[in-house]
């Protein structure tokens, strides 16, 4: 299965729950690992700042984004057939 096929809308819900939105999983990974780290490091300040501004892919601090939440949001986008998705820790955070 090629990476570009992993969000196929013709799949059933069960298949989309497992493979939907995972086009960037590392080779051979079948389950998204849970990232428990809080901060993420970069080799240079420009790349860090660009990731913080959302100009390039990346994460700065887990309260804002992290790979586990990113994978969840991609799966929800695929399952709901939406353009994009976001998630919050609480209902009040969403408000």
PDB file of N, CA and C in Angstrom:
ATOM      1  N   UNK A   1       0.856  -1.173   0.000  1.00  0.00           N
ATOM      2  CA  UNK A   1       0.000   0.000   0.000  1.00  0.00           C
ATOM      3  C   UNK A   1       0.895   1.226   0.000  1.00  0.00           C
ATOM      4  N   UNK A   2       0.653   2.102  -0.933  1.00  0.00           N
ATOM      5  CA  UNK A   2       1.470   3.313  -0.986  1.00  0.00           C
ATOM      6  C   UNK A   2       0.963   4.329   0.020  1.00  0.00           C
ATOM      7  N   UNK A   3       1.852   5.217   0.430  1.00  0.00           N
ATOM      8  CA  UNK A   3       1.488   6.229   1.420  1.00  0.00           C
ATOM      9  C   UNK A   3       0.331   7.095   0.955  1.00  0.00           C
ATOM     10  N   UNK A   4       0.289   7.452  -0.315  1.00  0.00           N
ATOM     11  CA  UNK A   4      -0.759   8.357  -0.784  1.00  0.00           C
ATOM     12  C   UNK A   4      -2.141   7.715  -0.760  1.00  0.00           C
ATOM     13  N   UNK A   5      -2.221   6.383  -0.670  1.00  0.00           N
ATOM     14  CA  UNK A   5      -3.505   5.697  -0.674  1.00  0.00           C
ATOM     15  C   UNK A   5      -4.121   5.555   0.713  1.00  0.00           C
ATOM     16  N   UNK A   6      -3.437   5.992   1.748  1.00  0.00           N
ATOM     17  CA  UNK A   6      -3.866   5.696   3.115  1.00  0.00           C
ATOM     18  C   UNK A   6      -5.046   6.521   3.605  1.00  0.00           C
ATOM     19  N   UNK A   7      -5.527   7.459   2.838  1.00  0.00           N
ATOM     20  CA  UNK A   7      -6.712   8.216   3.235  1.00  0.00           C
ATOM     21  C   UNK A   7      -7.866   7.939   2.283  1.00  0.00           C
ATOM     22  N   UNK A   8      -7.841   6.817   1.618  1.00  0.00           N
ATOM     23  CA  UNK A   8      -8.815   6.459   0.602  1.00  0.00           C
ATOM     24  C   UNK A   8     -10.230   6.501   1.161  1.00  0.00           C
ATOM     25  N   UNK A   9     -11.091   7.309   0.556  1.00  0.00           N
ATOM     26  CA  UNK A   9     -12.468   7.467   1.037  1.00  0.00           C
ATOM     27  C   UNK A   9     -13.332   6.263   0.684  1.00  0.00           C
ATOM     28  N   UNK A  10     -12.839   5.358  -0.149  1.00  0.00           N
ATOM     29  CA  UNK A  10     -13.614   4.170  -0.504  1.00  0.00           C
ATOM     30  C   UNK A  10     -13.469   3.062   0.534  1.00  0.00           C
ATOM     31  N   UNK A  11     -12.543   3.210   1.472  1.00  0.00           N
ATOM     32  CA  UNK A  11     -12.348   2.216   2.518  1.00  0.00           C
ATOM     33  C   UNK A  11     -13.513   2.262   3.499  1.00  0.00           C
ATOM     34  N   UNK A  12     -13.729   1.152   4.193  1.00  0.00           N
ATOM     35  CA  UNK A  12     -14.712   1.123   5.259  1.00  0.00           C
ATOM     36  C   UNK A  12     -14.190   1.852   6.485  1.00  0.00           C
ATOM     37  N   UNK A  13     -15.089   2.120   7.425  1.00  0.00           N
ATOM     38  CA  UNK A  13     -14.693   2.854   8.628  1.00  0.00           C
ATOM     39  C   UNK A  13     -13.592   2.149   9.411  1.00  0.00           C
ATOM     40  N   UNK A  14     -13.652   0.825   9.500  1.00  0.00           N
ATOM     41  CA  UNK A  14     -12.636   0.090  10.252  1.00  0.00           C
ATOM     42  C   UNK A  14     -11.248   0.271   9.659  1.00  0.00           C
ATOM     43  N   UNK A  15     -11.147   0.173   8.343  1.00  0.00           N
ATOM     44  CA  UNK A  15      -9.855   0.349   7.674  1.00  0.00           C
ATOM     45  C   UNK A  15      -9.382   1.786   7.811  1.00  0.00           C
ATOM     46  N   UNK A  16     -10.286   2.736   7.664  1.00  0.00           N
ATOM     47  CA  UNK A  16      -9.900   4.146   7.814  1.00  0.00           C
ATOM     48  C   UNK A  16      -9.490   4.449   9.245  1.00  0.00           C
ATOM     49  N   UNK A  17     -10.093   3.787  10.244  1.00  0.00           N
ATOM     50  CA  UNK A  17      -9.676   3.989  11.642  1.00  0.00           C
ATOM     51  C   UNK A  17      -8.229   3.566  11.847  1.00  0.00           C
ATOM     52  N   UNK A  18      -7.820   2.504  11.182  1.00  0.00           N
ATOM     53  CA  UNK A  18      -6.458   1.998  11.350  1.00  0.00           C
ATOM     54  C   UNK A  18      -5.472   2.761  10.482  1.00  0.00           C
ATOM     55  N   UNK A  19      -5.778   2.970   9.207  1.00  0.00           N
ATOM     56  CA  UNK A  19      -4.794   3.502   8.266  1.00  0.00           C
ATOM     57  C   UNK A  19      -5.050   4.926   7.818  1.00  0.00           C
ATOM     58  N   UNK A  20      -6.209   5.468   8.070  1.00  0.00           N
ATOM     59  CA  UNK A  20      -6.515   6.824   7.615  1.00  0.00           C
ATOM     60  C   UNK A  20      -5.626   7.873   8.250  1.00  0.00           C
ATOM     61  N   UNK A  21      -5.066   8.762   7.424  1.00  0.00           N
ATOM     62  CA  UNK A  21      -4.281   9.873   7.925  1.00  0.00           C
ATOM     63  C   UNK A  21      -2.892   9.540   8.405  1.00  0.00           C
ATOM     64  N   UNK A  22      -2.389   8.350   8.076  1.00  0.00           N
ATOM     65  CA  UNK A  22      -1.074   7.965   8.580  1.00  0.00           C
ATOM     66  C   UNK A  22      -0.017   7.951   7.478  1.00  0.00           C
ATOM     67  N   UNK A  23      -0.165   8.843   6.533  1.00  0.00           N
ATOM     68  CA  UNK A  23       0.747   8.849   5.391  1.00  0.00           C
ATOM     69  C   UNK A  23       2.201   9.118   5.766  1.00  0.00           C
ATOM     70  N   UNK A  24       2.458   9.613   6.958  1.00  0.00           N
ATOM     71  CA  UNK A  24       3.840   9.910   7.326  1.00  0.00           C
ATOM     72  C   UNK A  24       4.381   9.006   8.433  1.00  0.00           C
ATOM     73  N   UNK A  25       3.748   7.846   8.674  1.00  0.00           N
ATOM     74  CA  UNK A  25       4.308   6.897   9.636  1.00  0.00           C
ATOM     75  C   UNK A  25       5.645   6.396   9.107  1.00  0.00           C
ATOM     76  N   UNK A  26       6.601   6.163   9.984  1.00  0.00           N
ATOM     77  CA  UNK A  26       7.879   5.580   9.541  1.00  0.00           C
ATOM     78  C   UNK A  26       7.657   4.198   8.937  1.00  0.00           C
ATOM     79  N   UNK A  27       8.530   3.793   8.062  1.00  0.00           N
ATOM     80  CA  UNK A  27       8.458   2.489   7.401  1.00  0.00           C
ATOM     81  C   UNK A  27       8.319   1.375   8.427  1.00  0.00           C
ATOM     82  N   UNK A  28       7.335   0.509   8.245  1.00  0.00           N
ATOM     83  CA  UNK A  28       7.158  -0.648   9.103  1.00  0.00           C
ATOM     84  C   UNK A  28       6.357  -0.408  10.368  1.00  0.00           C
ATOM     85  N   UNK A  29       6.021   0.826  10.690  1.00  0.00           N
ATOM     86  CA  UNK A  29       5.243   1.110  11.898  1.00  0.00           C
ATOM     87  C   UNK A  29       3.772   0.821  11.617  1.00  0.00           C
ATOM     88  N   UNK A  30       3.149   0.006  12.457  1.00  0.00           N
ATOM     89  CA  UNK A  30       1.738  -0.317  12.276  1.00  0.00           C
ATOM     90  C   UNK A  30       0.850   0.339  13.328  1.00  0.00           C
ATOM     91  N   UNK A  31       1.444   0.816  14.403  1.00  0.00           N
ATOM     92  CA  UNK A  31       0.711   1.504  15.453  1.00  0.00           C
ATOM     93  C   UNK A  31       1.475   2.773  15.796  1.00  0.00           C
ATOM     94  N   UNK A  32       0.767   3.902  15.811  1.00  0.00           N
ATOM     95  CA  UNK A  32       1.421   5.165  16.136  1.00  0.00           C
ATOM     96  C   UNK A  32       1.910   5.127  17.574  1.00  0.00           C
ATOM     97  N   UNK A  33       3.207   5.352  17.805  1.00  0.00           N
ATOM     98  CA  UNK A  33       3.696   5.383  19.179  1.00  0.00           C
ATOM     99  C   UNK A  33       3.166   6.607  19.920  1.00  0.00           C
ATOM    100  N   UNK A  34       3.018   6.496  21.230  1.00  0.00           N
ATOM    101  CA  UNK A  34       2.587   7.615  22.052  1.00  0.00           C
ATOM    102  C   UNK A  34       3.836   8.399  22.451  1.00  0.00           C
ATOM    103  N   UNK A  35       3.869   9.669  22.086  1.00  0.00           N
ATOM    104  CA  UNK A  35       5.008  10.519  22.436  1.00  0.00           C
ATOM    105  C   UNK A  35       4.732  11.167  23.788  1.00  0.00           C
ATOM    106  N   UNK A  36       5.572  10.870  24.764  1.00  0.00           N
ATOM    107  CA  UNK A  36       5.371  11.383  26.111  1.00  0.00           C
ATOM    108  C   UNK A  36       6.280  12.562  26.425  1.00  0.00           C
ATOM    109  N   UNK A  37       7.175  12.896  25.508  1.00  0.00           N
ATOM    110  CA  UNK A  37       8.049  14.045  25.722  1.00  0.00           C
ATOM    111  C   UNK A  37       7.258  15.341  25.678  1.00  0.00           C
ATOM    112  N   UNK A  38       7.733  16.327  26.387  1.00  0.00           N
ATOM    113  CA  UNK A  38       7.037  17.604  26.462  1.00  0.00           C
ATOM    114  C   UNK A  38       7.619  18.630  25.498  1.00  0.00           C
ATOM    115  N   UNK A  39       8.932  18.629  25.348  1.00  0.00           N
ATOM    116  CA  UNK A  39       9.581  19.613  24.483  1.00  0.00           C
ATOM    117  C   UNK A  39      10.283  18.908  23.332  1.00  0.00           C
ATOM    118  N   UNK A  40      10.511  19.653  22.266  1.00  0.00           N
ATOM    119  CA  UNK A  40      11.159  19.121  21.075  1.00  0.00           C
ATOM    120  C   UNK A  40      12.332  20.020  20.723  1.00  0.00           C
ATOM    121  N   UNK A  41      13.444  19.420  20.306  1.00  0.00           N
ATOM    122  CA  UNK A  41      14.666  20.170  20.029  1.00  0.00           C
ATOM    123  C   UNK A  41      14.910  20.284  18.529  1.00  0.00           C
ATOM    124  N   UNK A  42      15.595  21.348  18.145  1.00  0.00           N
ATOM    125  CA  UNK A  42      15.972  21.598  16.750  1.00  0.00           C
ATOM    126  C   UNK A  42      17.443  21.980  16.716  1.00  0.00           C
ATOM    127  N   UNK A  43      18.069  21.734  15.565  1.00  0.00           N
ATOM    128  CA  UNK A  43      19.486  22.046  15.413  1.00  0.00           C
ATOM    129  C   UNK A  43      19.761  23.531  15.236  1.00  0.00           C
ATOM    130  N   UNK A  44      18.765  24.293  14.798  1.00  0.00           N
ATOM    131  CA  UNK A  44      19.001  25.727  14.640  1.00  0.00           C
ATOM    132  C   UNK A  44      17.740  26.516  15.004  1.00  0.00           C
ATOM    133  N   UNK A  45      17.955  27.749  15.400  1.00  0.00           N
ATOM    134  CA  UNK A  45      16.883  28.603  15.884  1.00  0.00           C
ATOM    135  C   UNK A  45      15.883  28.964  14.796  1.00  0.00           C
ATOM    136  N   UNK A  46      16.354  29.127  13.556  1.00  0.00           N
ATOM    137  CA  UNK A  46      15.437  29.485  12.469  1.00  0.00           C
ATOM    138  C   UNK A  46      14.408  28.387  12.225  1.00  0.00           C
ATOM    139  N   UNK A  47      14.849  27.135  12.229  1.00  0.00           N
ATOM    140  CA  UNK A  47      13.925  26.008  12.024  1.00  0.00           C
ATOM    141  C   UNK A  47      12.944  25.919  13.191  1.00  0.00           C
ATOM    142  N   UNK A  48      13.420  26.117  14.405  1.00  0.00           N
ATOM    143  CA  UNK A  48      12.554  26.105  15.587  1.00  0.00           C
ATOM    144  C   UNK A  48      11.484  27.179  15.468  1.00  0.00           C
ATOM    145  N   UNK A  49      11.889  28.397  15.109  1.00  0.00           N
ATOM    146  CA  UNK A  49      10.941  29.505  14.990  1.00  0.00           C
ATOM    147  C   UNK A  49       9.941  29.249  13.871  1.00  0.00           C
ATOM    148  N   UNK A  50      10.402  28.709  12.747  1.00  0.00           N
ATOM    149  CA  UNK A  50       9.498  28.419  11.628  1.00  0.00           C
ATOM    150  C   UNK A  50       8.480  27.345  12.024  1.00  0.00           C
ATOM    151  N   UNK A  51       8.902  26.342  12.787  1.00  0.00           N
ATOM    152  CA  UNK A  51       7.971  25.316  13.271  1.00  0.00           C
ATOM    153  C   UNK A  51       6.963  25.929  14.226  1.00  0.00           C
ATOM    154  N   UNK A  52       7.406  26.821  15.075  1.00  0.00           N
ATOM    155  CA  UNK A  52       6.503  27.497  16.011  1.00  0.00           C
ATOM    156  C   UNK A  52       5.465  28.357  15.312  1.00  0.00           C
ATOM    157  N   UNK A  53       5.834  28.935  14.178  1.00  0.00           N
ATOM    158  CA  UNK A  53       4.895  29.758  13.401  1.00  0.00           C
ATOM    159  C   UNK A  53       4.028  28.933  12.460  1.00  0.00           C
ATOM    160  N   UNK A  54       4.297  27.624  12.376  1.00  0.00           N
ATOM    161  CA  UNK A  54       3.528  26.755  11.499  1.00  0.00           C
ATOM    162  C   UNK A  54       3.951  26.828  10.045  1.00  0.00           C
ATOM    163  N   UNK A  55       5.114  27.403   9.778  1.00  0.00           N
ATOM    164  CA  UNK A  55       5.595  27.529   8.398  1.00  0.00           C
ATOM    165  C   UNK A  55       6.209  26.238   7.886  1.00  0.00           C
ATOM    166  N   UNK A  56       6.725  25.414   8.761  1.00  0.00           N
ATOM    167  CA  UNK A  56       7.284  24.106   8.416  1.00  0.00           C
ATOM    168  C   UNK A  56       6.730  23.090   9.411  1.00  0.00           C
ATOM    169  N   UNK A  57       6.682  21.819   9.028  1.00  0.00           N
ATOM    170  CA  UNK A  57       6.195  20.808   9.973  1.00  0.00           C
ATOM    171  C   UNK A  57       7.110  20.721  11.195  1.00  0.00           C
ATOM    172  N   UNK A  58       6.516  20.495  12.330  1.00  0.00           N
ATOM    173  CA  UNK A  58       7.305  20.325  13.542  1.00  0.00           C
ATOM    174  C   UNK A  58       6.504  20.662  14.778  1.00  0.00           C
ATOM    175  N   UNK A  59       7.077  20.377  15.908  1.00  0.00           N
ATOM    176  CA  UNK A  59       6.422  20.588  17.191  1.00  0.00           C
ATOM    177  C   UNK A  59       7.385  21.328  18.108  1.00  0.00           C
ATOM    178  N   UNK A  60       6.840  22.172  18.967  1.00  0.00           N
ATOM    179  CA  UNK A  60       7.645  22.943  19.906  1.00  0.00           C
ATOM    180  C   UNK A  60       7.418  22.460  21.338  1.00  0.00           C
ATOM    181  N   UNK A  61       6.157  22.387  21.733  1.00  0.00           N
ATOM    182  CA  UNK A  61       5.802  22.054  23.109  1.00  0.00           C
ATOM    183  C   UNK A  61       4.513  21.243  23.090  1.00  0.00           C
ATOM    184  N   UNK A  62       4.450  20.156  23.824  1.00  0.00           N
ATOM    185  CA  UNK A  62       3.322  19.228  23.741  1.00  0.00           C
ATOM    186  C   UNK A  62       1.975  19.832  24.119  1.00  0.00           C
ATOM    187  N   UNK A  63       1.963  20.879  24.882  1.00  0.00           N
ATOM    188  CA  UNK A  63       0.677  21.496  25.208  1.00  0.00           C
ATOM    189  C   UNK A  63       0.011  22.049  23.947  1.00  0.00           C
ATOM    190  N   UNK A  64       0.809  22.467  22.981  1.00  0.00           N
ATOM    191  CA  UNK A  64       0.280  22.997  21.718  1.00  0.00           C
ATOM    192  C   UNK A  64       0.080  21.894  20.689  1.00  0.00           C
ATOM    193  N   UNK A  65       1.142  21.181  20.363  1.00  0.00           N
ATOM    194  CA  UNK A  65       1.073  20.084  19.400  1.00  0.00           C
ATOM    195  C   UNK A  65       2.114  19.037  19.767  1.00  0.00           C
ATOM    196  N   UNK A  66       1.877  17.816  19.325  1.00  0.00           N
ATOM    197  CA  UNK A  66       2.873  16.755  19.416  1.00  0.00           C
ATOM    198  C   UNK A  66       2.503  15.694  18.389  1.00  0.00           C
ATOM    199  N   UNK A  67       3.393  14.764  18.077  1.00  0.00           N
ATOM    200  CA  UNK A  67       3.105  13.788  17.029  1.00  0.00           C
ATOM    201  C   UNK A  67       1.884  12.909  17.310  1.00  0.00           C
ATOM    202  N   UNK A  68       1.625  12.585  18.556  1.00  0.00           N
ATOM    203  CA  UNK A  68       0.473  11.751  18.894  1.00  0.00           C
ATOM    204  C   UNK A  68      -0.833  12.478  18.601  1.00  0.00           C
ATOM    205  N   UNK A  69      -0.941  13.717  19.020  1.00  0.00           N
ATOM    206  CA  UNK A  69      -2.146  14.512  18.755  1.00  0.00           C
ATOM    207  C   UNK A  69      -2.291  14.767  17.264  1.00  0.00           C
ATOM    208  N   UNK A  70      -1.190  15.022  16.592  1.00  0.00           N
ATOM    209  CA  UNK A  70      -1.210  15.240  15.153  1.00  0.00           C
ATOM    210  C   UNK A  70      -1.796  14.018  14.432  1.00  0.00           C
ATOM    211  N   UNK A  71      -1.372  12.817  14.827  1.00  0.00           N
ATOM    212  CA  UNK A  71      -1.894  11.589  14.227  1.00  0.00           C
ATOM    213  C   UNK A  71      -3.385  11.439  14.504  1.00  0.00           C
ATOM    214  N   UNK A  72      -3.821  11.742  15.724  1.00  0.00           N
ATOM    215  CA  UNK A  72      -5.242  11.686  16.073  1.00  0.00           C
ATOM    216  C   UNK A  72      -6.060  12.637  15.193  1.00  0.00           C
ATOM    217  N   UNK A  73      -5.574  13.862  15.034  1.00  0.00           N
ATOM    218  CA  UNK A  73      -6.295  14.851  14.230  1.00  0.00           C
ATOM    219  C   UNK A  73      -6.378  14.428  12.768  1.00  0.00           C
ATOM    220  N   UNK A  74      -5.308  13.829  12.247  1.00  0.00           N
ATOM    221  CA  UNK A  74      -5.339  13.343  10.861  1.00  0.00           C
ATOM    222  C   UNK A  74      -6.364  12.224  10.703  1.00  0.00           C
ATOM    223  N   UNK A  75      -6.419  11.308  11.667  1.00  0.00           N
ATOM    224  CA  UNK A  75      -7.409  10.238  11.606  1.00  0.00           C
ATOM    225  C   UNK A  75      -8.832  10.799  11.655  1.00  0.00           C
ATOM    226  N   UNK A  76      -9.072  11.763  12.531  1.00  0.00           N
ATOM    227  CA  UNK A  76     -10.404  12.356  12.627  1.00  0.00           C
ATOM    228  C   UNK A  76     -10.788  13.064  11.329  1.00  0.00           C
ATOM    229  N   UNK A  77      -9.817  13.736  10.702  1.00  0.00           N
ATOM    230  CA  UNK A  77     -10.071  14.407   9.426  1.00  0.00           C
ATOM    231  C   UNK A  77     -10.524  13.398   8.386  1.00  0.00           C
ATOM    232  N   UNK A  78      -9.838  12.266   8.309  1.00  0.00           N
ATOM    233  CA  UNK A  78     -10.175  11.239   7.331  1.00  0.00           C
ATOM    234  C   UNK A  78     -11.533  10.623   7.642  1.00  0.00           C
ATOM    235  N   UNK A  79     -11.770  10.279   8.904  1.00  0.00           N
ATOM    236  CA  UNK A  79     -13.033   9.639   9.280  1.00  0.00           C
ATOM    237  C   UNK A  79     -14.238  10.542   9.061  1.00  0.00           C
ATOM    238  N   UNK A  80     -14.057  11.831   9.290  1.00  0.00           N
ATOM    239  CA  UNK A  80     -15.168  12.772   9.114  1.00  0.00           C
ATOM    240  C   UNK A  80     -15.265  13.303   7.690  1.00  0.00           C
ATOM    241  N   UNK A  81     -14.266  13.008   6.854  1.00  0.00           N
ATOM    242  CA  UNK A  81     -14.264  13.523   5.484  1.00  0.00           C
ATOM    243  C   UNK A  81     -14.120  15.034   5.445  1.00  0.00           C
ATOM    244  N   UNK A  82     -13.368  15.583   6.388  1.00  0.00           N
ATOM    245  CA  UNK A  82     -13.221  17.033   6.514  1.00  0.00           C
ATOM    246  C   UNK A  82     -11.919  17.506   5.867  1.00  0.00           C
ATOM    247  N   UNK A  83     -11.825  18.810   5.632  1.00  0.00           N
ATOM    248  CA  UNK A  83     -10.602  19.393   5.105  1.00  0.00           C
ATOM    249  C   UNK A  83      -9.470  19.337   6.127  1.00  0.00           C
ATOM    250  N   UNK A  84      -9.805  19.544   7.393  1.00  0.00           N
ATOM    251  CA  UNK A  84      -8.811  19.561   8.454  1.00  0.00           C
ATOM    252  C   UNK A  84      -9.509  19.251   9.772  1.00  0.00           C
ATOM    253  N   UNK A  85      -8.739  19.052  10.819  1.00  0.00           N
ATOM    254  CA  UNK A  85      -9.303  18.771  12.138  1.00  0.00           C
ATOM    255  C   UNK A  85      -8.378  19.327  13.198  1.00  0.00           C
ATOM    256  N   UNK A  86      -8.956  19.633  14.333  1.00  0.00           N
ATOM    257  CA  UNK A  86      -8.175  20.034  15.493  1.00  0.00           C
ATOM    258  C   UNK A  86      -8.807  19.409  16.720  1.00  0.00           C
ATOM    259  N   UNK A  87      -8.055  19.309  17.790  1.00  0.00           N
ATOM    260  CA  UNK A  87      -8.584  18.716  19.011  1.00  0.00           C
ATOM    261  C   UNK A  87      -8.159  19.559  20.204  1.00  0.00           C
ATOM    262  N   UNK A  88      -8.872  19.361  21.302  1.00  0.00           N
ATOM    263  CA  UNK A  88      -8.615  20.115  22.526  1.00  0.00           C
ATOM    264  C   UNK A  88      -8.653  19.159  23.704  1.00  0.00           C
ATOM    265  N   UNK A  89      -7.965  19.516  24.765  1.00  0.00           N
ATOM    266  CA  UNK A  89      -7.936  18.666  25.952  1.00  0.00           C
ATOM    267  C   UNK A  89      -9.251  18.722  26.710  1.00  0.00           C
ATOM    268  N   UNK A  90      -9.945  19.851  26.631  1.00  0.00           N
ATOM    269  CA  UNK A  90     -11.218  19.993  27.351  1.00  0.00           C
ATOM    270  C   UNK A  90     -12.200  20.797  26.507  1.00  0.00           C
ATOM    271  N   UNK A  91     -13.463  20.738  26.892  1.00  0.00           N
ATOM    272  CA  UNK A  91     -14.467  21.541  26.214  1.00  0.00           C
ATOM    273  C   UNK A  91     -14.230  23.029  26.390  1.00  0.00           C
ATOM    274  N   UNK A  92     -13.773  23.418  27.562  1.00  0.00           N
ATOM    275  CA  UNK A  92     -13.497  24.837  27.806  1.00  0.00           C
ATOM    276  C   UNK A  92     -12.350  25.325  26.918  1.00  0.00           C
ATOM    277  N   UNK A  93     -11.370  24.469  26.682  1.00  0.00           N
ATOM    278  CA  UNK A  93     -10.266  24.868  25.789  1.00  0.00           C
ATOM    279  C   UNK A  93     -10.791  25.106  24.382  1.00  0.00           C
ATOM    280  N   UNK A  94     -11.769  24.340  23.959  1.00  0.00           N
ATOM    281  CA  UNK A  94     -12.344  24.518  22.629  1.00  0.00           C
ATOM    282  C   UNK A  94     -13.105  25.829  22.522  1.00  0.00           C
ATOM    283  N   UNK A  95     -13.729  26.225  23.618  1.00  0.00           N
ATOM    284  CA  UNK A  95     -14.484  27.492  23.614  1.00  0.00           C
ATOM    285  C   UNK A  95     -13.537  28.644  23.515  1.00  0.00           C
TER     286      UNK A  95
END
